[in-house]
């Protein structure tokens, strides 16, 4: 069995074929490690366009491949948030959903990922929510619902989990014609969350806006 050691970054490095090699050769015989170093360098320099174009050739069995997908997906998400042109925004969101989903699915041990699990789930949920506005709504609403469920399992009391689960529930209620009791339950949940997290820089305004939308629909369809 090939010996395995871990680098300081937590990436497993097989070195049976590289015994006695210099650091340069060690990197050379670990293409994924070299690609991770390149991706991290681009991220640290905020070169997100270059990072989004990084070609990923590794497979799920390659140590660190998950990090490459997460780093690329995060870069695409940042670009999508800044994009003005709708065509580019849609393309960046497709990239974000694809690579964040792949990276999350590949990650078995988040303690070694050096990336926040909660952040990655939140960015995937937000990417799916935004992407749904550009077509294939049902597909991306399904991605959002699944992501929100997983995020709630990781950080159930976080404002992000409450927002995205509530947003997924809202879409489901608009499609299923559920009883007014379900609308009132969602409205009450959002009222509590909007008050509790009103000062949250990322989710305060989003929770308040969703609460207002649900309240309007509730009043129109069910009365208060």
Protein backbone atom coordinates (compact mmCIF):
# COMPACT_ATOMS: atom_id res chain seq x y z
CA UNK A 1 0.00 0.00 0.00
CA UNK A 2 1.38 3.39 -0.92
CA UNK A 3 2.36 5.56 2.02
CA UNK A 4 0.31 8.69 2.50
CA UNK A 5 1.15 11.85 4.35
CA UNK A 6 -0.76 15.07 4.84
CA UNK A 7 0.39 18.55 3.99
CA UNK A 8 -0.22 21.46 6.34
CA UNK A 9 -3.27 22.36 4.25
CA UNK A 10 -4.80 18.97 5.02
CA UNK A 11 -4.45 17.70 1.45
CA UNK A 12 -3.34 14.08 1.29
CA UNK A 13 -0.21 13.60 -0.79
CA UNK A 14 0.68 10.17 -2.10
CA UNK A 15 4.48 10.09 -2.33
CA UNK A 16 5.42 6.48 -2.92
CA UNK A 17 6.37 7.41 -6.49
CA UNK A 18 8.08 10.59 -5.39
CA UNK A 19 10.37 9.42 -2.57
CA UNK A 20 13.56 11.44 -2.56
CA UNK A 21 12.13 14.05 -4.90
CA UNK A 22 12.59 17.75 -4.35
CA UNK A 23 9.64 19.99 -3.45
CA UNK A 24 9.41 20.93 -7.10
CA UNK A 25 9.14 17.33 -8.17
CA UNK A 26 6.65 16.59 -5.42
CA UNK A 27 4.35 19.26 -6.81
CA UNK A 28 4.98 18.04 -10.33
CA UNK A 29 3.84 14.52 -9.44
CA UNK A 30 0.68 15.87 -7.83
CA UNK A 31 -1.14 17.84 -10.55
CA UNK A 32 -4.16 18.46 -8.34
CA UNK A 33 -1.99 20.06 -5.66
CA UNK A 34 -0.42 22.30 -8.28
CA UNK A 35 -3.87 23.31 -9.55
CA UNK A 36 -5.06 24.04 -5.99
CA UNK A 37 -2.06 26.30 -5.41
CA UNK A 38 -2.84 28.12 -8.65
CA UNK A 39 -6.52 28.47 -7.74
CA UNK A 40 -5.76 29.79 -4.26
CA UNK A 41 -3.27 32.26 -5.69
CA UNK A 42 -5.89 33.58 -8.11
CA UNK A 43 -8.45 33.82 -5.31
CA UNK A 44 -6.06 35.68 -3.01
CA UNK A 45 -5.39 38.17 -5.80
CA UNK A 46 -9.14 38.54 -6.50
CA UNK A 47 -8.57 37.37 -10.07
CA UNK A 48 -11.99 35.76 -10.21
CA UNK A 49 -12.34 35.91 -14.00
CA UNK A 50 -9.14 33.91 -14.40
CA UNK A 51 -10.21 31.49 -11.67
CA UNK A 52 -13.61 30.98 -13.33
CA UNK A 53 -11.83 29.94 -16.53
CA UNK A 54 -9.59 27.43 -14.78
CA UNK A 55 -9.91 24.04 -16.45
CA UNK A 56 -10.47 21.27 -13.93
CA UNK A 57 -9.23 17.89 -15.12
CA UNK A 58 -9.18 15.93 -11.87
CA UNK A 59 -11.72 13.32 -10.81
CA UNK A 60 -13.57 12.66 -7.57
CA UNK A 61 -10.89 10.14 -6.56
CA UNK A 62 -8.15 12.78 -6.70
CA UNK A 63 -7.37 14.39 -3.35
CA UNK A 64 -8.20 18.07 -3.41
CA UNK A 65 -10.41 17.92 -6.50
CA UNK A 66 -13.36 18.98 -4.35
CA UNK A 67 -11.52 22.15 -3.34
CA UNK A 68 -10.88 23.06 -6.95
CA UNK A 69 -14.57 22.86 -7.76
CA UNK A 70 -15.49 24.86 -4.64
CA UNK A 71 -12.95 27.58 -5.40
CA UNK A 72 -14.07 27.85 -9.01
CA UNK A 73 -17.75 27.82 -8.03
CA UNK A 74 -17.16 30.55 -5.47
CA UNK A 75 -15.37 32.68 -8.06
CA UNK A 76 -18.27 32.27 -10.50
CA UNK A 77 -20.73 33.22 -7.76
CA UNK A 78 -18.82 36.42 -7.02
CA UNK A 79 -18.73 37.31 -10.70
CA UNK A 80 -22.46 36.65 -11.06
CA UNK A 81 -23.23 39.03 -8.20
CA UNK A 82 -21.27 41.76 -9.96
CA UNK A 83 -22.42 41.10 -13.52
CA UNK A 84 -24.58 43.72 -15.24
CA UNK A 85 -25.10 41.90 -18.53
CA UNK A 86 -27.82 39.27 -18.15
CA UNK A 87 -26.11 36.84 -20.49
CA UNK A 88 -22.92 36.89 -18.46
CA UNK A 89 -24.84 36.71 -15.17
CA UNK A 90 -26.66 33.60 -16.36
CA UNK A 91 -23.41 31.99 -17.52
CA UNK A 92 -21.68 32.77 -14.23
CA UNK A 93 -24.63 31.39 -12.26
CA UNK A 94 -24.57 28.18 -14.31
CA UNK A 95 -20.88 27.86 -13.48
CA UNK A 96 -21.52 28.55 -9.80
CA UNK A 97 -24.33 26.01 -9.48
CA UNK A 98 -22.38 23.35 -11.36
CA UNK A 99 -19.09 23.64 -9.51
CA UNK A 100 -20.45 24.38 -6.04
CA UNK A 101 -22.76 21.38 -6.33
CA UNK A 102 -19.93 19.18 -7.56
CA UNK A 103 -17.51 20.38 -4.89
CA UNK A 104 -20.04 19.91 -2.09
CA UNK A 105 -20.92 16.41 -3.29
CA UNK A 106 -17.23 15.48 -3.46
CA UNK A 107 -16.40 16.76 0.02
CA UNK A 108 -16.52 13.99 2.58
CA UNK A 109 -14.47 15.64 5.33
CA UNK A 110 -15.11 19.37 5.69
CA UNK A 111 -12.49 19.69 8.42
CA UNK A 112 -9.86 19.34 5.69
CA UNK A 113 -11.54 21.48 3.05
CA UNK A 114 -10.19 24.83 4.36
CA UNK A 115 -13.45 26.34 3.11
CA UNK A 116 -16.55 27.20 5.12
CA UNK A 117 -19.22 24.55 4.60
CA UNK A 118 -21.98 26.98 5.53
CA UNK A 119 -20.70 29.61 3.09
CA UNK A 120 -20.58 27.11 0.25
CA UNK A 121 -24.16 25.95 0.88
CA UNK A 122 -25.38 29.55 1.16
CA UNK A 123 -23.66 30.52 -2.09
CA UNK A 124 -25.11 27.49 -3.87
CA UNK A 125 -28.61 28.28 -2.60
CA UNK A 126 -28.32 31.90 -3.68
CA UNK A 127 -26.93 30.92 -7.08
CA UNK A 128 -29.86 28.57 -7.67
CA UNK A 129 -32.37 31.21 -6.51
CA UNK A 130 -30.96 33.81 -8.88
CA UNK A 131 -30.53 31.37 -11.76
CA UNK A 132 -34.22 30.40 -11.60
CA UNK A 133 -35.07 33.88 -12.89
CA UNK A 134 -33.29 33.15 -16.18
CA UNK A 135 -35.25 30.10 -17.25
CA UNK A 136 -35.63 26.43 -16.28
CA UNK A 137 -37.27 27.65 -13.08
CA UNK A 138 -38.46 24.30 -11.82
CA UNK A 139 -35.01 22.76 -12.17
CA UNK A 140 -33.29 25.47 -10.20
CA UNK A 141 -36.06 25.76 -7.64
CA UNK A 142 -35.44 22.06 -7.00
CA UNK A 143 -31.74 22.75 -6.56
CA UNK A 144 -32.61 25.55 -4.13
CA UNK A 145 -34.99 23.35 -2.12
CA UNK A 146 -32.42 20.56 -1.83
CA UNK A 147 -29.65 22.99 -0.92
CA UNK A 148 -31.82 24.72 1.68
CA UNK A 149 -32.64 21.36 3.27
CA UNK A 150 -28.95 20.44 3.46
CA UNK A 151 -28.00 23.87 4.81
CA UNK A 152 -30.62 23.54 7.54
CA UNK A 153 -29.03 20.24 8.50
CA UNK A 154 -25.65 21.94 8.89
CA UNK A 155 -26.67 25.27 10.46
CA UNK A 156 -30.38 25.06 11.33
CA UNK A 157 -30.50 28.26 13.36
CA UNK A 158 -28.59 30.43 10.89
CA UNK A 159 -30.34 33.28 9.06
CA UNK A 160 -29.30 31.78 5.74
CA UNK A 161 -30.91 28.43 6.48
CA UNK A 162 -34.13 30.09 7.63
CA UNK A 163 -34.24 32.40 4.62
CA UNK A 164 -33.59 29.76 1.96
CA UNK A 165 -35.92 27.19 3.51
CA UNK A 166 -38.62 29.83 3.74
CA UNK A 167 -37.97 30.90 0.15
CA UNK A 168 -38.24 27.28 -1.01
CA UNK A 169 -41.44 26.84 0.98
CA UNK A 170 -42.87 30.01 -0.54
CA UNK A 171 -42.35 28.73 -4.08
CA UNK A 172 -43.86 25.37 -3.15
CA UNK A 173 -46.95 27.04 -1.69
CA UNK A 174 -47.46 29.18 -4.78
CA UNK A 175 -47.48 26.03 -6.90
CA UNK A 176 -49.40 23.59 -4.74
CA UNK A 177 -52.35 25.63 -3.49
CA UNK A 178 -51.78 24.51 0.08
CA UNK A 179 -54.16 25.44 2.88
CA UNK A 180 -54.13 28.92 4.37
CA UNK A 181 -52.79 27.43 7.60
CA UNK A 182 -49.52 26.70 5.78
CA UNK A 183 -49.33 30.27 4.51
CA UNK A 184 -49.95 31.61 8.01
CA UNK A 185 -47.27 29.33 9.46
CA UNK A 186 -44.74 30.59 6.90
CA UNK A 187 -45.75 34.19 7.54
CA UNK A 188 -45.29 33.74 11.29
CA UNK A 189 -41.90 32.08 10.85
CA UNK A 190 -40.70 34.94 8.66
CA UNK A 191 -42.05 37.58 11.04
CA UNK A 192 -39.95 36.09 13.83
CA UNK A 193 -36.86 35.68 11.66
CA UNK A 194 -37.11 39.16 10.11
CA UNK A 195 -37.22 40.71 13.58
CA UNK A 196 -34.49 38.51 15.00
CA UNK A 197 -32.05 39.02 12.13
CA UNK A 198 -33.03 42.55 11.11
CA UNK A 199 -29.44 43.76 11.53
CA UNK A 200 -27.83 40.88 9.64
CA UNK A 201 -25.89 42.40 6.72
CA UNK A 202 -26.63 39.59 4.28
CA UNK A 203 -30.08 38.36 5.27
CA UNK A 204 -31.81 41.14 7.21
CA UNK A 205 -33.23 42.90 4.17
CA UNK A 206 -33.88 39.62 2.31
CA UNK A 207 -35.93 38.20 5.18
CA UNK A 208 -37.93 41.43 5.49
CA UNK A 209 -38.65 41.47 1.75
CA UNK A 210 -39.75 37.84 1.71
CA UNK A 211 -41.93 38.47 4.77
CA UNK A 212 -43.63 41.36 2.95
CA UNK A 213 -44.22 39.21 -0.14
CA UNK A 214 -45.68 36.33 1.85
CA UNK A 215 -47.83 38.72 3.88
CA UNK A 216 -49.27 40.26 0.72
CA UNK A 217 -50.07 36.88 -0.79
CA UNK A 218 -51.56 35.70 2.47
CA UNK A 219 -53.83 38.75 2.69
CA UNK A 220 -54.89 38.47 -0.94
CA UNK A 221 -55.64 34.76 -0.86
CA UNK A 222 -56.63 34.01 2.70
CA UNK A 223 -57.26 37.23 4.57
CA UNK A 224 -55.32 37.94 7.75
